[in-house]
């Protein structure tokens, strides 16, 4: 369940508690929200490997 204002990491799909990096997507109308990711080397970010063998 997501609450208003909670930023979700685009890499691991987990909530970002502190810090974070913003990736601004270009939109002429401003309709696309920015993507967020955990800070580099943040232990809370555990990417899911898709197609791993």
PDB file of N, CA and C in Angstrom:
ATOM      1  N   UNK A   1       0.849  -1.177   0.000  1.00  0.00           N
ATOM      2  CA  UNK A   1       0.000   0.000   0.000  1.00  0.00           C
ATOM      3  C   UNK A   1       0.891   1.236   0.000  1.00  0.00           C
ATOM      4  N   UNK A   2       0.595   2.177  -0.854  1.00  0.00           N
ATOM      5  CA  UNK A   2       1.388   3.398  -0.977  1.00  0.00           C
ATOM      6  C   UNK A   2       0.622   4.577  -0.395  1.00  0.00           C
ATOM      7  N   UNK A   3       1.349   5.435   0.299  1.00  0.00           N
ATOM      8  CA  UNK A   3       0.712   6.642   0.828  1.00  0.00           C
ATOM      9  C   UNK A   3       1.157   7.825  -0.001  1.00  0.00           C
ATOM     10  N   UNK A   4       0.412   8.896   0.062  1.00  0.00           N
ATOM     11  CA  UNK A   4       0.749  10.095  -0.708  1.00  0.00           C
ATOM     12  C   UNK A   4       2.127  10.602  -0.295  1.00  0.00           C
ATOM     13  N   UNK A   5       2.943  10.919  -1.283  1.00  0.00           N
ATOM     14  CA  UNK A   5       4.259  11.446  -1.000  1.00  0.00           C
ATOM     15  C   UNK A   5       5.342  10.399  -0.848  1.00  0.00           C
ATOM     16  N   UNK A   6       4.990   9.133  -0.861  1.00  0.00           N
ATOM     17  CA  UNK A   6       5.989   8.074  -0.758  1.00  0.00           C
ATOM     18  C   UNK A   6       6.676   7.912  -2.103  1.00  0.00           C
ATOM     19  N   UNK A   7       8.000   7.958  -2.101  1.00  0.00           N
ATOM     20  CA  UNK A   7       8.761   7.764  -3.339  1.00  0.00           C
ATOM     21  C   UNK A   7       9.145   6.293  -3.426  1.00  0.00           C
ATOM     22  N   UNK A   8       8.918   5.701  -4.594  1.00  0.00           N
ATOM     23  CA  UNK A   8       9.230   4.296  -4.835  1.00  0.00           C
ATOM     24  C   UNK A   8      10.431   4.220  -5.766  1.00  0.00           C
ATOM     25  N   UNK A   9      11.401   3.377  -5.428  1.00  0.00           N
ATOM     26  CA  UNK A   9      12.621   3.223  -6.216  1.00  0.00           C
ATOM     27  C   UNK A   9      12.289   2.567  -7.561  1.00  0.00           C
ATOM     28  N   UNK A  10      12.766   3.171  -8.641  1.00  0.00           N
ATOM     29  CA  UNK A  10      12.536   2.632  -9.983  1.00  0.00           C
ATOM     30  C   UNK A  10      13.382   1.396 -10.246  1.00  0.00           C
ATOM     31  N   UNK A  11      14.392   1.140  -9.412  1.00  0.00           N
ATOM     32  CA  UNK A  11      15.288   0.001  -9.601  1.00  0.00           C
ATOM     33  C   UNK A  11      14.765  -1.240  -8.890  1.00  0.00           C
ATOM     34  N   UNK A  12      14.344  -1.074  -7.630  1.00  0.00           N
ATOM     35  CA  UNK A  12      13.968  -2.251  -6.840  1.00  0.00           C
ATOM     36  C   UNK A  12      12.500  -2.278  -6.414  1.00  0.00           C
ATOM     37  N   UNK A  13      11.740  -1.244  -6.720  1.00  0.00           N
ATOM     38  CA  UNK A  13      10.313  -1.165  -6.371  1.00  0.00           C
ATOM     39  C   UNK A  13      10.045  -1.126  -4.874  1.00  0.00           C
ATOM     40  N   UNK A  14      10.999  -0.651  -4.091  1.00  0.00           N
ATOM     41  CA  UNK A  14      10.817  -0.520  -2.646  1.00  0.00           C
ATOM     42  C   UNK A  14      10.751   0.960  -2.283  1.00  0.00           C
ATOM     43  N   UNK A  15      10.109   1.300  -1.155  1.00  0.00           N
ATOM     44  CA  UNK A  15      10.033   2.708  -0.749  1.00  0.00           C
ATOM     45  C   UNK A  15      11.408   3.276  -0.411  1.00  0.00           C
ATOM     46  N   UNK A  16      11.587   4.555  -0.699  1.00  0.00           N
ATOM     47  CA  UNK A  16      12.822   5.253  -0.365  1.00  0.00           C
ATOM     48  C   UNK A  16      12.579   5.992   0.938  1.00  0.00           C
ATOM     49  N   UNK A  17      13.287   5.602   1.985  1.00  0.00           N
ATOM     50  CA  UNK A  17      13.091   6.192   3.315  1.00  0.00           C
ATOM     51  C   UNK A  17      13.844   7.512   3.475  1.00  0.00           C
ATOM     52  N   UNK A  18      15.097   7.550   3.052  1.00  0.00           N
ATOM     53  CA  UNK A  18      15.899   8.773   3.180  1.00  0.00           C
ATOM     54  C   UNK A  18      16.694   8.994   1.902  1.00  0.00           C
ATOM     55  N   UNK A  19      16.959  10.244   1.603  1.00  0.00           N
ATOM     56  CA  UNK A  19      17.775  10.568   0.433  1.00  0.00           C
ATOM     57  C   UNK A  19      17.078  10.215  -0.857  1.00  0.00           C
ATOM     58  N   UNK A  20      17.829   9.632  -1.751  1.00  0.00           N
ATOM     59  CA  UNK A  20      17.302   9.229  -3.047  1.00  0.00           C
ATOM     60  C   UNK A  20      17.779  10.155  -4.146  1.00  0.00           C
ATOM     61  N   UNK A  21      17.768   9.639  -5.368  1.00  0.00           N
ATOM     62  CA  UNK A  21      18.162  10.410  -6.549  1.00  0.00           C
ATOM     63  C   UNK A  21      16.944  10.584  -7.435  1.00  0.00           C
ATOM     64  N   UNK A  22      16.750  11.787  -7.928  1.00  0.00           N
ATOM     65  CA  UNK A  22      15.611  12.095  -8.791  1.00  0.00           C
ATOM     66  C   UNK A  22      16.052  12.087 -10.245  1.00  0.00           C
ATOM     67  N   UNK A  23      15.271  11.423 -11.081  1.00  0.00           N
ATOM     68  CA  UNK A  23      15.502  11.403 -12.520  1.00  0.00           C
ATOM     69  C   UNK A  23      14.303  12.085 -13.168  1.00  0.00           C
ATOM     70  N   UNK A  24      14.548  13.290 -13.683  1.00  0.00           N
ATOM     71  CA  UNK A  24      13.465  14.079 -14.252  1.00  0.00           C
ATOM     72  C   UNK A  24      13.249  13.656 -15.701  1.00  0.00           C
ATOM     73  N   UNK A  25      12.028  13.257 -15.999  1.00  0.00           N
ATOM     74  CA  UNK A  25      11.674  12.889 -17.374  1.00  0.00           C
ATOM     75  C   UNK A  25      11.108  14.122 -18.066  1.00  0.00           C
ATOM     76  N   UNK A  26      11.536  14.363 -19.275  1.00  0.00           N
ATOM     77  CA  UNK A  26      11.062  15.537 -20.004  1.00  0.00           C
ATOM     78  C   UNK A  26       9.605  15.357 -20.397  1.00  0.00           C
ATOM     79  N   UNK A  27       8.837  16.393 -20.127  1.00  0.00           N
ATOM     80  CA  UNK A  27       7.450  16.416 -20.543  1.00  0.00           C
ATOM     81  C   UNK A  27       7.067  17.879 -20.756  1.00  0.00           C
ATOM     82  N   UNK A  28       6.659  18.213 -21.952  1.00  0.00           N
ATOM     83  CA  UNK A  28       6.302  19.596 -22.262  1.00  0.00           C
ATOM     84  C   UNK A  28       5.143  20.080 -21.393  1.00  0.00           C
ATOM     85  N   UNK A  29       4.231  19.182 -21.061  1.00  0.00           N
ATOM     86  CA  UNK A  29       3.074  19.575 -20.259  1.00  0.00           C
ATOM     87  C   UNK A  29       3.335  19.414 -18.761  1.00  0.00           C
ATOM     88  N   UNK A  30       4.397  18.707 -18.396  1.00  0.00           N
ATOM     89  CA  UNK A  30       4.671  18.464 -16.980  1.00  0.00           C
ATOM     90  C   UNK A  30       3.835  17.339 -16.405  1.00  0.00           C
ATOM     91  N   UNK A  31       3.189  16.554 -17.269  1.00  0.00           N
ATOM     92  CA  UNK A  31       2.284  15.503 -16.810  1.00  0.00           C
ATOM     93  C   UNK A  31       3.015  14.257 -16.303  1.00  0.00           C
ATOM     94  N   UNK A  32       4.282  14.062 -16.721  1.00  0.00           N
ATOM     95  CA  UNK A  32       5.016  12.867 -16.287  1.00  0.00           C
ATOM     96  C   UNK A  32       5.784  13.163 -15.009  1.00  0.00           C
ATOM     97  N   UNK A  33       5.536  12.400 -13.970  1.00  0.00           N
ATOM     98  CA  UNK A  33       6.285  12.621 -12.725  1.00  0.00           C
ATOM     99  C   UNK A  33       7.729  12.123 -12.862  1.00  0.00           C
ATOM    100  N   UNK A  34       8.582  12.606 -11.997  1.00  0.00           N
ATOM    101  CA  UNK A  34       9.981  12.174 -11.981  1.00  0.00           C
ATOM    102  C   UNK A  34      10.087  10.752 -11.440  1.00  0.00           C
ATOM    103  N   UNK A  35      11.126  10.051 -11.873  1.00  0.00           N
ATOM    104  CA  UNK A  35      11.443   8.744 -11.310  1.00  0.00           C
ATOM    105  C   UNK A  35      12.442   8.949 -10.182  1.00  0.00           C
ATOM    106  N   UNK A  36      12.426   8.056  -9.201  1.00  0.00           N
ATOM    107  CA  UNK A  36      13.335   8.129  -8.064  1.00  0.00           C
ATOM    108  C   UNK A  36      14.076   6.809  -7.904  1.00  0.00           C
ATOM    109  N   UNK A  37      15.272   6.872  -7.370  1.00  0.00           N
ATOM    110  CA  UNK A  37      16.057   5.673  -7.080  1.00  0.00           C
ATOM    111  C   UNK A  37      16.804   5.898  -5.769  1.00  0.00           C
ATOM    112  N   UNK A  38      17.105   4.799  -5.092  1.00  0.00           N
ATOM    113  CA  UNK A  38      17.921   4.896  -3.882  1.00  0.00           C
ATOM    114  C   UNK A  38      19.275   5.503  -4.224  1.00  0.00           C
ATOM    115  N   UNK A  39      19.949   6.067  -3.237  1.00  0.00           N
ATOM    116  CA  UNK A  39      21.312   6.560  -3.426  1.00  0.00           C
ATOM    117  C   UNK A  39      22.208   5.388  -3.799  1.00  0.00           C
ATOM    118  N   UNK A  40      23.298   5.684  -4.507  1.00  0.00           N
ATOM    119  CA  UNK A  40      24.242   4.638  -4.886  1.00  0.00           C
ATOM    120  C   UNK A  40      24.767   3.927  -3.640  1.00  0.00           C
ATOM    121  N   UNK A  41      24.900   2.635  -3.717  1.00  0.00           N
ATOM    122  CA  UNK A  41      25.401   1.767  -2.639  1.00  0.00           C
ATOM    123  C   UNK A  41      24.529   1.760  -1.398  1.00  0.00           C
ATOM    124  N   UNK A  42      23.273   2.179  -1.512  1.00  0.00           N
ATOM    125  CA  UNK A  42      22.348   2.111  -0.378  1.00  0.00           C
ATOM    126  C   UNK A  42      21.973   0.648  -0.169  1.00  0.00           C
ATOM    127  N   UNK A  43      22.208   0.094   1.024  1.00  0.00           N
ATOM    128  CA  UNK A  43      21.908  -1.327   1.255  1.00  0.00           C
ATOM    129  C   UNK A  43      20.407  -1.649   1.167  1.00  0.00           C
ATOM    130  N   UNK A  44      19.550  -0.639   1.236  1.00  0.00           N
ATOM    131  CA  UNK A  44      18.120  -0.879   1.144  1.00  0.00           C
ATOM    132  C   UNK A  44      17.668  -1.218  -0.277  1.00  0.00           C
ATOM    133  N   UNK A  45      18.515  -0.903  -1.272  1.00  0.00           N
ATOM    134  CA  UNK A  45      18.171  -1.158  -2.666  1.00  0.00           C
ATOM    135  C   UNK A  45      18.694  -2.520  -3.083  1.00  0.00           C
ATOM    136  N   UNK A  46      17.778  -3.428  -3.345  1.00  0.00           N
ATOM    137  CA  UNK A  46      18.137  -4.778  -3.777  1.00  0.00           C
ATOM    138  C   UNK A  46      17.405  -5.059  -5.080  1.00  0.00           C
ATOM    139  N   UNK A  47      18.060  -4.721  -6.208  1.00  0.00           N
ATOM    140  CA  UNK A  47      17.404  -4.912  -7.509  1.00  0.00           C
ATOM    141  C   UNK A  47      17.004  -6.361  -7.753  1.00  0.00           C
ATOM    142  N   UNK A  48      15.885  -6.527  -8.399  1.00  0.00           N
ATOM    143  CA  UNK A  48      15.409  -7.849  -8.768  1.00  0.00           C
ATOM    144  C   UNK A  48      16.008  -8.183 -10.126  1.00  0.00           C
ATOM    145  N   UNK A  49      16.686  -9.294 -10.219  1.00  0.00           N
ATOM    146  CA  UNK A  49      17.293  -9.693 -11.501  1.00  0.00           C
ATOM    147  C   UNK A  49      16.265 -10.461 -12.311  1.00  0.00           C
ATOM    148  N   UNK A  50      15.905  -9.914 -13.433  1.00  0.00           N
ATOM    149  CA  UNK A  50      14.936 -10.551 -14.320  1.00  0.00           C
ATOM    150  C   UNK A  50      15.687 -11.429 -15.301  1.00  0.00           C
ATOM    151  N   UNK A  51      15.247 -12.661 -15.437  1.00  0.00           N
ATOM    152  CA  UNK A  51      15.868 -13.580 -16.376  1.00  0.00           C
ATOM    153  C   UNK A  51      17.176 -14.176 -15.888  1.00  0.00           C
ATOM    154  N   UNK A  52      17.451 -14.082 -14.593  1.00  0.00           N
ATOM    155  CA  UNK A  52      18.703 -14.646 -14.039  1.00  0.00           C
ATOM    156  C   UNK A  52      18.631 -16.166 -14.067  1.00  0.00           C
ATOM    157  N   UNK A  53      19.758 -16.783 -14.312  1.00  0.00           N
ATOM    158  CA  UNK A  53      19.797 -18.251 -14.349  1.00  0.00           C
ATOM    159  C   UNK A  53      20.629 -18.780 -13.235  1.00  0.00           C
TER     160      UNK A  53
END
